[in-house]
Amino acid sequence: MTSAEIINDAGEVEDTRLSLFYLPQQEINAAMKTDQESYSSNEATLKVENAGPSSLFFGHHYKI
């Protein structure tokens, strides 16, 4: 729950607003796949599928 108050020049509360926030439980529903089972070179195709509801973020360098 969050509340916000409007305070006048005398420091008195003139109005208050209360709000409820619904935050869904974080859930990772993702899969990573390659188009081949093995590779002879250093390059591969990696497919990431996200079925939600959470967003996926990438920012670190990974090696597989």
C-alpha atoms as a PDB file:
ATOM      1  CA  MET A   1       0.000   0.000   0.000  1.00  0.00           C
ATOM      2  CA  THR A   2       1.218   3.482  -0.827  1.00  0.00           C
ATOM      3  CA  SER A   3      -0.028   6.785   0.545  1.00  0.00           C
ATOM      4  CA  ALA A   4       0.526  10.351  -0.613  1.00  0.00           C
ATOM      5  CA  GLU A   5      -0.426  13.439   1.377  1.00  0.00           C
ATOM      6  CA  ILE A   6      -1.001  17.050   0.364  1.00  0.00           C
ATOM      7  CA  ILE A   7       0.299  19.350   3.087  1.00  0.00           C
ATOM      8  CA  ASN A   8      -0.570  23.059   3.300  1.00  0.00           C
ATOM      9  CA  ASP A   9       1.755  25.928   4.299  1.00  0.00           C
ATOM     10  CA  ALA A  10       0.893  25.392   7.975  1.00  0.00           C
ATOM     11  CA  GLY A  11       2.128  21.792   7.771  1.00  0.00           C
ATOM     12  CA  GLU A  12      -1.365  20.315   8.037  1.00  0.00           C
ATOM     13  CA  VAL A  13      -2.554  17.424   5.904  1.00  0.00           C
ATOM     14  CA  GLU A  14      -5.229  18.583   3.480  1.00  0.00           C
ATOM     15  CA  ASP A  15      -5.772  15.369   1.558  1.00  0.00           C
ATOM     16  CA  THR A  16      -4.502  11.791   1.489  1.00  0.00           C
ATOM     17  CA  ARG A  17      -4.554   9.242  -1.291  1.00  0.00           C
ATOM     18  CA  LEU A  18      -4.122   5.531  -0.618  1.00  0.00           C
ATOM     19  CA  SER A  19      -3.343   3.064  -3.383  1.00  0.00           C
ATOM     20  CA  LEU A  20      -2.948  -0.696  -3.502  1.00  0.00           C
ATOM     21  CA  PHE A  21      -0.467  -2.240  -5.896  1.00  0.00           C
ATOM     22  CA  TYR A  22      -0.769  -5.766  -7.209  1.00  0.00           C
ATOM     23  CA  LEU A  23       2.579  -7.271  -8.113  1.00  0.00           C
ATOM     24  CA  PRO A  24       2.478 -10.686  -9.736  1.00  0.00           C
ATOM     25  CA  GLN A  25       4.864 -13.318  -8.453  1.00  0.00           C
ATOM     26  CA  GLN A  26       8.082 -13.331 -10.455  1.00  0.00           C
ATOM     27  CA  GLU A  27       8.193 -16.385 -12.639  1.00  0.00           C
ATOM     28  CA  ILE A  28      10.671 -17.287 -15.330  1.00  0.00           C
ATOM     29  CA  ASN A  29       9.058 -19.371 -18.027  1.00  0.00           C
ATOM     30  CA  ALA A  30      11.790 -19.445 -20.664  1.00  0.00           C
ATOM     31  CA  ALA A  31      13.675 -21.946 -22.776  1.00  0.00           C
ATOM     32  CA  MET A  32      17.004 -21.835 -24.616  1.00  0.00           C
ATOM     33  CA  LYS A  33      17.619 -24.039 -27.646  1.00  0.00           C
ATOM     34  CA  THR A  34      20.227 -24.493 -30.343  1.00  0.00           C
ATOM     35  CA  ASP A  35      19.480 -25.449 -33.926  1.00  0.00           C
ATOM     36  CA  GLN A  36      22.074 -28.262 -33.793  1.00  0.00           C
ATOM     37  CA  GLU A  37      23.139 -30.701 -31.109  1.00  0.00           C
ATOM     38  CA  SER A  38      26.859 -30.105 -31.731  1.00  0.00           C
ATOM     39  CA  TYR A  39      28.986 -27.580 -33.627  1.00  0.00           C
ATOM     40  CA  SER A  40      32.392 -27.864 -35.257  1.00  0.00           C
ATOM     41  CA  SER A  41      33.143 -24.118 -35.106  1.00  0.00           C
ATOM     42  CA  ASN A  42      33.069 -21.460 -32.375  1.00  0.00           C
ATOM     43  CA  GLU A  43      29.783 -20.019 -33.633  1.00  0.00           C
ATOM     44  CA  ALA A  44      26.343 -21.318 -32.746  1.00  0.00           C
ATOM     45  CA  THR A  45      22.770 -20.132 -32.955  1.00  0.00           C
ATOM     46  CA  LEU A  46      21.011 -19.889 -29.612  1.00  0.00           C
ATOM     47  CA  LYS A  47      17.264 -19.265 -29.529  1.00  0.00           C
ATOM     48  CA  VAL A  48      15.674 -17.870 -26.346  1.00  0.00           C
ATOM     49  CA  GLU A  49      11.894 -18.135 -26.001  1.00  0.00           C
ATOM     50  CA  ASN A  50      10.110 -16.298 -23.198  1.00  0.00           C
ATOM     51  CA  ALA A  51       6.519 -17.348 -22.444  1.00  0.00           C
ATOM     52  CA  GLY A  52       6.302 -14.741 -19.641  1.00  0.00           C
ATOM     53  CA  PRO A  53       5.033 -13.229 -17.496  1.00  0.00           C
ATOM     54  CA  SER A  54       8.426 -11.839 -16.355  1.00  0.00           C
ATOM     55  CA  SER A  55      10.739  -9.959 -18.709  1.00  0.00           C
ATOM     56  CA  LEU A  56      14.207 -11.323 -19.360  1.00  0.00           C
ATOM     57  CA  PHE A  57      17.179  -8.963 -19.311  1.00  0.00           C
ATOM     58  CA  PHE A  58      20.638  -9.621 -20.688  1.00  0.00           C
ATOM     59  CA  GLY A  59      23.730  -7.599 -20.013  1.00  0.00           C
ATOM     60  CA  HIS A  60      26.541  -9.947 -19.061  1.00  0.00           C
ATOM     61  CA  HIS A  61      28.792 -11.828 -21.416  1.00  0.00           C
ATOM     62  CA  TYR A  62      28.186 -15.568 -21.234  1.00  0.00           C
ATOM     63  CA  LYS A  63      30.074 -18.490 -22.695  1.00  0.00           C
ATOM     64  CA  ILE A  64      28.518 -21.871 -23.220  1.00  0.00           C
END
